[in-house]
Each structure stands twice: as C-alpha cells, then as structure tokens.
Amino acid sequence: MLWTPKIRLVTVLLSIVFVLGTALQNYVIIDLGLIERSMRLKGSPTEDAPTYLSALRLVGNVFIVGNALGLLVWFRRRWLFWPVLAINVGQACGVFVVPFEVHRAAIEEYGWPGVLPSVVTDGGAVLLSIALIVAYVRSRWFTRTGDRVRF
C-alpha cells in the first residue's frame, strides 16, 4: 500500500500520541500499589503483583516501541503498513485484555485522568486500525496495481 498524505499524517500524529500515552500509563499511572489494589478488588492474592506489574510494563514497552515505529511512516516506507497495523490492532485489544479492576483502581487513585491515557491509546488504536484497513482495502479494491487512492 502506498501511504497517502492524509493517512500518513494521521498515522504519524496518532503514533506520537500513542507513544506518549502508553509511556504515561506504563510509568506514571501503573505502579505496584495500583496493581495490588486492583488484585484486591478482583479478590486475588497480591503476592504476584510484582510479576504482574513486570509483565504489564513489558507489554507496554512493546507498544511504545511499536508505536514509535509508526513515526517512520512519515518516510513512506511500504513495508511499515503491516507492522503498524499489527501493533495498533494489538493495542486495540487492550480494551478486552486489561482487567477492569486495573481501570477501577486507577479511577479510585487518580480519578478519570487515571484511565484517560488507556482510553486514548486503546480507543485511538481501534480507530486507526479501522482507518488503515479501509485505506488498504480501498487501495486494493479500486485499483488493480495498488496505486494510491485518495483517502
């Protein structure tokens, strides 16, 4: 797929937002106390909280690096389409994968700003994934060669 100017700009701008939002969520909002609180809300023992926190931060780091890869879309590299789409689809799944108790604990500790980075990154990843899929389908459906289609 060739990157149209609009889809390229949207992808780069949202990638910047996602890198910042994921880093904020990963290193400021989520801490050991919040994980322990969320485990208590779920009724689980808290001795595994450090392991869960490490795993959650590892996943967050993968998304930070993946979203940073989206910044390279500015240079119109065709091969970036599939990795950028995969990262955004994966981040969009955060809505279903992260237990609700983590969000509830974040709301209790920080109020609504505690879940705002997660809502923006996960919800934005849903929208960007849809936009990328539509752009890909349009570029394949309406042209035989995969040439650029205005988005």
C-alpha atoms as a PDB file:
ATOM      1  CA  MET A   1       0.000   0.000   0.000  1.00  0.00           C
ATOM      2  CA  LEU A   2       1.233   3.466  -0.782  1.00  0.00           C
ATOM      3  CA  TRP A   3       0.838   5.909   2.061  1.00  0.00           C
ATOM      4  CA  THR A   4      -1.444   8.772   1.044  1.00  0.00           C
ATOM      5  CA  PRO A   5      -0.617  12.151   2.597  1.00  0.00           C
ATOM      6  CA  LYS A   6      -3.702  12.120   4.839  1.00  0.00           C
ATOM      7  CA  ILE A   7      -3.365   8.588   6.169  1.00  0.00           C
ATOM      8  CA  ARG A   8       0.375   9.129   6.617  1.00  0.00           C
ATOM      9  CA  LEU A   9      -0.167  12.316   8.636  1.00  0.00           C
ATOM     10  CA  VAL A  10      -2.905  10.740  10.767  1.00  0.00           C
ATOM     11  CA  THR A  11      -0.741   7.678  11.449  1.00  0.00           C
ATOM     12  CA  VAL A  12       2.285   9.743  12.468  1.00  0.00           C
ATOM     13  CA  LEU A  13       0.294  12.117  14.691  1.00  0.00           C
ATOM     14  CA  LEU A  14      -1.563   9.288  16.404  1.00  0.00           C
ATOM     15  CA  SER A  15       1.689   7.364  16.832  1.00  0.00           C
ATOM     16  CA  ILE A  16       3.105  10.343  18.730  1.00  0.00           C
ATOM     17  CA  VAL A  17       0.003  10.442  20.947  1.00  0.00           C
ATOM     18  CA  PHE A  18       0.153   6.675  21.492  1.00  0.00           C
ATOM     19  CA  VAL A  19       3.847   6.698  22.436  1.00  0.00           C
ATOM     20  CA  LEU A  20       3.265   9.461  24.983  1.00  0.00           C
ATOM     21  CA  GLY A  21       0.029   7.962  26.308  1.00  0.00           C
ATOM     22  CA  THR A  22       1.450   4.472  26.657  1.00  0.00           C
ATOM     23  CA  ALA A  23       4.589   5.780  28.382  1.00  0.00           C
ATOM     24  CA  LEU A  24       2.429   7.823  30.772  1.00  0.00           C
ATOM     25  CA  GLN A  25       0.247   4.808  31.526  1.00  0.00           C
ATOM     26  CA  ASN A  26       3.221   2.454  31.818  1.00  0.00           C
ATOM     27  CA  TYR A  27       5.455   4.519  34.086  1.00  0.00           C
ATOM     28  CA  VAL A  28       3.286   7.082  35.865  1.00  0.00           C
ATOM     29  CA  ILE A  29      -0.199   5.631  36.323  1.00  0.00           C
ATOM     30  CA  ILE A  30       0.600   1.933  36.789  1.00  0.00           C
ATOM     31  CA  ASP A  31       2.664   1.188  39.880  1.00  0.00           C
ATOM     32  CA  LEU A  32       2.902  -1.628  42.406  1.00  0.00           C
ATOM     33  CA  GLY A  33       0.317  -0.078  44.742  1.00  0.00           C
ATOM     34  CA  LEU A  34      -2.210   0.261  41.950  1.00  0.00           C
ATOM     35  CA  ILE A  35      -1.671  -3.344  40.844  1.00  0.00           C
ATOM     36  CA  GLU A  36      -2.069  -4.597  44.424  1.00  0.00           C
ATOM     37  CA  ARG A  37      -5.260  -2.547  44.801  1.00  0.00           C
ATOM     38  CA  SER A  38      -6.645  -3.960  41.551  1.00  0.00           C
ATOM     39  CA  MET A  39      -5.825  -7.510  42.680  1.00  0.00           C
ATOM     40  CA  ARG A  40      -7.640  -6.920  45.974  1.00  0.00           C
ATOM     41  CA  LEU A  41     -10.650  -5.585  44.031  1.00  0.00           C
ATOM     42  CA  LYS A  42     -10.628  -8.789  41.992  1.00  0.00           C
ATOM     43  CA  GLY A  43     -10.269 -10.953  45.081  1.00  0.00           C
ATOM     44  CA  SER A  44      -6.873 -12.335  44.063  1.00  0.00           C
ATOM     45  CA  PRO A  45      -3.842 -12.717  46.333  1.00  0.00           C
ATOM     46  CA  THR A  46      -1.397  -9.827  45.998  1.00  0.00           C
ATOM     47  CA  GLU A  47       1.889 -11.733  46.241  1.00  0.00           C
ATOM     48  CA  ASP A  48       2.023 -11.991  42.430  1.00  0.00           C
ATOM     49  CA  ALA A  49       1.655  -8.227  41.986  1.00  0.00           C
ATOM     50  CA  PRO A  50       5.353  -7.561  41.189  1.00  0.00           C
ATOM     51  CA  THR A  51       5.322 -10.249  38.483  1.00  0.00           C
ATOM     52  CA  TYR A  52       2.085  -8.917  37.016  1.00  0.00           C
ATOM     53  CA  LEU A  53       3.492  -5.375  37.067  1.00  0.00           C
ATOM     54  CA  SER A  54       6.646  -6.522  35.254  1.00  0.00           C
ATOM     55  CA  ALA A  55       4.595  -8.326  32.602  1.00  0.00           C
ATOM     56  CA  LEU A  56       2.295  -5.339  32.144  1.00  0.00           C
ATOM     57  CA  ARG A  57       5.259  -2.987  31.752  1.00  0.00           C
ATOM     58  CA  LEU A  58       6.927  -5.356  29.287  1.00  0.00           C
ATOM     59  CA  VAL A  59       3.795  -5.320  27.119  1.00  0.00           C
ATOM     60  CA  GLY A  60       3.645  -1.525  27.465  1.00  0.00           C
ATOM     61  CA  ASN A  61       7.258  -1.244  26.308  1.00  0.00           C
ATOM     62  CA  VAL A  62       6.491  -3.353  23.245  1.00  0.00           C
ATOM     63  CA  PHE A  63       3.650  -0.972  22.379  1.00  0.00           C
ATOM     64  CA  ILE A  64       5.859   2.077  22.953  1.00  0.00           C
ATOM     65  CA  VAL A  65       8.468   0.721  20.524  1.00  0.00           C
ATOM     66  CA  GLY A  66       5.782  -0.398  18.066  1.00  0.00           C
ATOM     67  CA  ASN A  67       4.068   2.972  18.123  1.00  0.00           C
ATOM     68  CA  ALA A  68       7.433   4.669  17.669  1.00  0.00           C
ATOM     69  CA  LEU A  69       7.795   2.557  14.539  1.00  0.00           C
ATOM     70  CA  GLY A  70       4.653   4.309  13.310  1.00  0.00           C
ATOM     71  CA  LEU A  71       6.619   7.559  13.247  1.00  0.00           C
ATOM     72  CA  LEU A  72       8.679   6.159  10.366  1.00  0.00           C
ATOM     73  CA  VAL A  73       5.548   6.156   8.209  1.00  0.00           C
ATOM     74  CA  TRP A  74       6.442   9.786   7.534  1.00  0.00           C
ATOM     75  CA  PHE A  75       9.173   8.483   5.219  1.00  0.00           C
ATOM     76  CA  ARG A  76       6.636   6.482   3.129  1.00  0.00           C
ATOM     77  CA  ARG A  77       8.078   3.020   3.643  1.00  0.00           C
ATOM     78  CA  ARG A  78       5.605   0.471   2.237  1.00  0.00           C
ATOM     79  CA  TRP A  79       6.808  -2.349   4.498  1.00  0.00           C
ATOM     80  CA  LEU A  80       5.654  -0.443   7.586  1.00  0.00           C
ATOM     81  CA  PHE A  81       1.975  -0.984   6.853  1.00  0.00           C
ATOM     82  CA  TRP A  82       1.669  -4.477   8.332  1.00  0.00           C
ATOM     83  CA  PRO A  83       3.779  -3.916  11.484  1.00  0.00           C
ATOM     84  CA  VAL A  84       1.959  -0.636  12.212  1.00  0.00           C
ATOM     85  CA  LEU A  85      -1.411  -2.295  11.677  1.00  0.00           C
ATOM     86  CA  ALA A  86      -0.444  -5.263  13.882  1.00  0.00           C
ATOM     87  CA  ILE A  87       0.715  -3.013  16.727  1.00  0.00           C
ATOM     88  CA  ASN A  88      -2.474  -0.954  16.572  1.00  0.00           C
ATOM     89  CA  VAL A  89      -4.737  -3.995  16.443  1.00  0.00           C
ATOM     90  CA  GLY A  90      -2.829  -5.422  19.414  1.00  0.00           C
ATOM     91  CA  GLN A  91      -3.144  -2.188  21.344  1.00  0.00           C
ATOM     92  CA  ALA A  92      -6.842  -2.009  20.492  1.00  0.00           C
ATOM     93  CA  CYS A  93      -7.245  -5.408  22.169  1.00  0.00           C
ATOM     94  CA  GLY A  94      -6.171  -3.766  25.438  1.00  0.00           C
ATOM     95  CA  VAL A  95      -9.802  -2.833  25.938  1.00  0.00           C
ATOM     96  CA  PHE A  96     -10.562  -6.542  26.428  1.00  0.00           C
ATOM     97  CA  VAL A  97      -7.282  -7.862  27.837  1.00  0.00           C
ATOM     98  CA  VAL A  98      -6.577  -5.480  30.725  1.00  0.00           C
ATOM     99  CA  PRO A  99      -8.820  -6.459  33.643  1.00  0.00           C
ATOM    100  CA  PHE A 100     -11.473  -3.898  34.524  1.00  0.00           C
ATOM    101  CA  GLU A 101     -10.195  -3.874  38.111  1.00  0.00           C
ATOM    102  CA  VAL A 102      -6.988  -2.176  36.936  1.00  0.00           C
ATOM    103  CA  HIS A 103      -9.054   0.658  35.476  1.00  0.00           C
ATOM    104  CA  ARG A 104     -11.248   0.794  38.574  1.00  0.00           C
ATOM    105  CA  ALA A 105      -8.184   1.057  40.812  1.00  0.00           C
ATOM    106  CA  ALA A 106      -6.771   3.817  38.566  1.00  0.00           C
ATOM    107  CA  ILE A 107     -10.044   5.736  38.835  1.00  0.00           C
ATOM    108  CA  GLU A 108     -10.031   5.356  42.628  1.00  0.00           C
ATOM    109  CA  GLU A 109      -6.449   6.611  42.879  1.00  0.00           C
ATOM    110  CA  TYR A 110      -6.308   9.306  40.177  1.00  0.00           C
ATOM    111  CA  GLY A 111      -9.902   9.918  39.147  1.00  0.00           C
ATOM    112  CA  TRP A 112     -10.814   9.878  35.451  1.00  0.00           C
ATOM    113  CA  PRO A 113      -7.356  11.148  34.402  1.00  0.00           C
ATOM    114  CA  GLY A 114      -6.045   7.783  35.631  1.00  0.00           C
ATOM    115  CA  VAL A 115      -7.745   5.945  32.769  1.00  0.00           C
ATOM    116  CA  LEU A 116      -7.512   8.689  30.159  1.00  0.00           C
ATOM    117  CA  PRO A 117      -4.166   7.523  28.659  1.00  0.00           C
ATOM    118  CA  SER A 118      -5.510   3.995  28.316  1.00  0.00           C
ATOM    119  CA  VAL A 119      -8.788   5.157  26.783  1.00  0.00           C
ATOM    120  CA  VAL A 120      -6.977   7.404  24.302  1.00  0.00           C
ATOM    121  CA  THR A 121      -4.376   4.827  23.271  1.00  0.00           C
ATOM    122  CA  ASP A 122      -6.674   1.792  23.120  1.00  0.00           C
ATOM    123  CA  GLY A 123      -9.652   3.628  21.629  1.00  0.00           C
ATOM    124  CA  GLY A 124      -7.437   5.558  19.237  1.00  0.00           C
ATOM    125  CA  ALA A 125      -5.776   2.313  18.156  1.00  0.00           C
ATOM    126  CA  VAL A 126      -9.223   0.930  17.286  1.00  0.00           C
ATOM    127  CA  LEU A 127      -9.943   3.958  15.101  1.00  0.00           C
ATOM    128  CA  LEU A 128      -6.502   3.966  13.468  1.00  0.00           C
ATOM    129  CA  SER A 129      -6.734   0.230  12.768  1.00  0.00           C
ATOM    130  CA  ILE A 130     -10.067   0.739  11.044  1.00  0.00           C
ATOM    131  CA  ALA A 131      -8.682   3.657   9.024  1.00  0.00           C
ATOM    132  CA  LEU A 132      -5.642   1.621   7.942  1.00  0.00           C
ATOM    133  CA  ILE A 133      -7.774  -1.368   6.943  1.00  0.00           C
ATOM    134  CA  VAL A 134     -10.155   0.847   4.967  1.00  0.00           C
ATOM    135  CA  ALA A 135      -7.219   2.553   3.231  1.00  0.00           C
ATOM    136  CA  TYR A 136      -5.702  -0.818   2.368  1.00  0.00           C
ATOM    137  CA  VAL A 137      -8.964  -2.240   1.047  1.00  0.00           C
ATOM    138  CA  ARG A 138      -9.592   0.887  -0.995  1.00  0.00           C
ATOM    139  CA  SER A 139      -6.102   0.765  -2.467  1.00  0.00           C
ATOM    140  CA  ARG A 140      -6.583  -2.890  -3.472  1.00  0.00           C
ATOM    141  CA  TRP A 141     -10.267  -2.807  -4.373  1.00  0.00           C
ATOM    142  CA  PHE A 142     -10.381   0.279  -6.559  1.00  0.00           C
ATOM    143  CA  THR A 143      -7.055  -0.124  -8.341  1.00  0.00           C
ATOM    144  CA  ARG A 144      -5.527  -3.177  -9.882  1.00  0.00           C
ATOM    145  CA  THR A 145      -1.956  -2.155  -9.196  1.00  0.00           C
ATOM    146  CA  GLY A 146      -2.364  -0.989  -5.630  1.00  0.00           C
ATOM    147  CA  ASP A 147      -1.711   2.594  -6.669  1.00  0.00           C
ATOM    148  CA  ARG A 148      -2.585   5.435  -4.409  1.00  0.00           C
ATOM    149  CA  VAL A 149      -6.264   6.086  -3.736  1.00  0.00           C
ATOM    150  CA  ARG A 150      -7.225   9.373  -2.133  1.00  0.00           C
ATOM    151  CA  PHE A 151      -8.469   8.790   1.411  1.00  0.00           C
END
